[in-house]
Amino acid sequence: MKKKTVSIVIPCFNEEENINQAYAALRNVTHTLKQYIFEFIFVDNGSTDNSRVLIHALTQKNAHVKGVSLHRFGVPDSFKHVSGSREYLLDQSGLSSEELVSVIKKTLLK
């Protein structure tokens, strides 16, 4: 059976302190869902910090990470860059790993 690709879009605005933590949490969560292939799309919305640099570094380390630079409030345009059969938009709301697993699993099992 072919695995479905799930795209997770993460908008970022001046999130240099959170990008690596968010990616690590997402990898820990999605690693448990082996029946899917996940891609992570970090969208820089005009950050003035090092968010863009950190996103670029992640894209160099993992083929499943994409980086998109848009003007502020460009999140709807970021969905042009997804390749998954399902897309999710996450914010930097600080969901715990357990909450994230629960949200993703519930949504995927619908």
Protein backbone atom coordinates (compact mmCIF):
# COMPACT_ATOMS: atom_id res chain seq x y z
CA MET A 1 0.00 0.00 0.00
CA LYS A 2 1.38 3.40 -0.99
CA LYS A 3 1.89 5.85 1.86
CA LYS A 4 -0.02 9.13 1.70
CA THR A 5 1.89 12.37 2.05
CA VAL A 6 0.73 14.81 4.71
CA SER A 7 1.85 18.45 4.49
CA ILE A 8 2.20 20.47 7.68
CA VAL A 9 2.48 24.22 7.14
CA ILE A 10 4.10 26.20 9.94
CA PRO A 11 3.94 30.00 9.57
CA CYS A 12 6.79 31.86 11.25
CA PHE A 13 7.25 35.50 12.08
CA ASN A 14 10.33 36.24 14.18
CA GLU A 15 10.37 32.70 15.56
CA GLU A 16 14.12 32.08 15.62
CA GLU A 17 13.89 30.86 19.23
CA ASN A 18 11.17 28.33 18.38
CA ILE A 19 11.86 26.94 14.91
CA ASN A 20 14.26 24.15 15.87
CA GLN A 21 12.12 23.16 18.87
CA ALA A 22 8.99 23.10 16.73
CA TYR A 23 10.69 20.95 14.12
CA ALA A 24 12.01 18.53 16.76
CA ALA A 25 8.55 18.21 18.31
CA LEU A 26 6.94 17.61 14.92
CA ARG A 27 9.52 14.96 14.00
CA ASN A 28 8.99 13.20 17.34
CA VAL A 29 5.24 13.16 16.79
CA THR A 30 5.17 12.21 13.13
CA HIS A 31 7.83 9.54 13.61
CA THR A 32 5.17 7.49 15.42
CA LEU A 33 2.81 7.62 12.41
CA LYS A 34 4.71 5.35 10.04
CA GLN A 35 1.82 4.86 7.64
CA TYR A 36 2.31 8.42 6.33
CA ILE A 37 5.06 10.48 4.76
CA PHE A 38 5.22 13.96 6.28
CA GLU A 39 6.53 17.14 4.76
CA PHE A 40 7.07 20.25 6.83
CA ILE A 41 6.70 23.64 5.18
CA PHE A 42 8.06 26.49 7.27
CA VAL A 43 6.73 29.79 5.95
CA ASP A 44 8.71 32.88 6.84
CA ASN A 45 6.29 35.81 6.83
CA GLY A 46 8.78 38.67 6.62
CA SER A 47 10.76 37.98 9.78
CA THR A 48 13.40 40.47 10.81
CA ASP A 49 15.35 37.98 12.93
CA ASN A 50 17.24 34.84 11.84
CA SER A 51 14.13 32.75 11.16
CA ARG A 52 14.87 32.55 7.43
CA VAL A 53 18.44 31.37 8.08
CA LEU A 54 17.27 28.64 10.48
CA ILE A 55 14.58 27.47 8.07
CA HIS A 56 17.14 27.27 5.27
CA ALA A 57 19.44 25.21 7.52
CA LEU A 58 16.60 22.75 8.17
CA THR A 59 15.94 22.38 4.44
CA GLN A 60 19.59 21.48 3.93
CA LYS A 61 19.44 18.72 6.56
CA ASN A 62 16.12 17.09 5.64
CA ALA A 63 14.54 16.56 2.23
CA HIS A 64 11.10 16.55 3.88
CA VAL A 65 11.45 20.18 4.97
CA LYS A 66 10.61 23.07 2.65
CA GLY A 67 11.19 26.73 3.32
CA VAL A 68 9.02 29.44 1.83
CA SER A 69 9.57 33.18 2.20
CA LEU A 70 6.46 35.32 1.85
CA HIS A 71 5.44 38.77 2.85
CA ARG A 72 3.70 39.11 6.19
CA PHE A 73 0.22 37.55 6.23
CA GLY A 74 1.06 35.43 3.20
CA VAL A 75 -0.05 32.14 4.76
CA PRO A 76 -2.79 31.35 2.20
CA ASP A 77 -0.15 31.53 -0.55
CA SER A 78 1.94 28.95 1.28
CA PHE A 79 -0.55 26.22 0.38
CA LYS A 80 0.66 26.50 -3.22
CA HIS A 81 3.82 24.72 -2.03
CA VAL A 82 2.26 21.59 -0.50
CA SER A 83 2.39 18.21 -2.18
CA GLY A 84 0.47 16.16 0.36
CA SER A 85 -3.00 14.73 0.00
CA ARG A 86 -3.78 16.35 3.37
CA GLU A 87 -2.62 19.73 4.63
CA TYR A 88 -2.50 21.14 8.13
CA LEU A 89 -1.77 24.65 9.28
CA LEU A 90 -0.05 24.85 12.66
CA ASP A 91 0.64 27.98 14.60
CA GLN A 92 3.24 28.54 17.29
CA SER A 93 0.63 27.99 19.99
CA GLY A 94 2.85 25.76 22.08
CA LEU A 95 0.93 22.51 21.78
CA SER A 96 2.56 19.73 23.73
CA SER A 97 3.76 16.66 21.84
CA GLU A 98 0.87 14.64 23.23
CA GLU A 99 -1.67 17.24 22.11
CA LEU A 100 -0.06 17.41 18.69
CA VAL A 101 -0.19 13.62 18.28
CA SER A 102 -3.83 13.63 19.31
CA VAL A 103 -4.78 16.41 16.88
CA ILE A 104 -2.91 14.86 13.95
CA LYS A 105 -4.19 11.32 14.59
CA LYS A 106 -7.82 12.44 15.00
CA THR A 107 -7.65 14.41 11.79
CA LEU A 108 -5.94 11.67 9.79
CA LEU A 109 -8.39 9.01 10.96
CA LYS A 110 -11.49 10.94 9.85
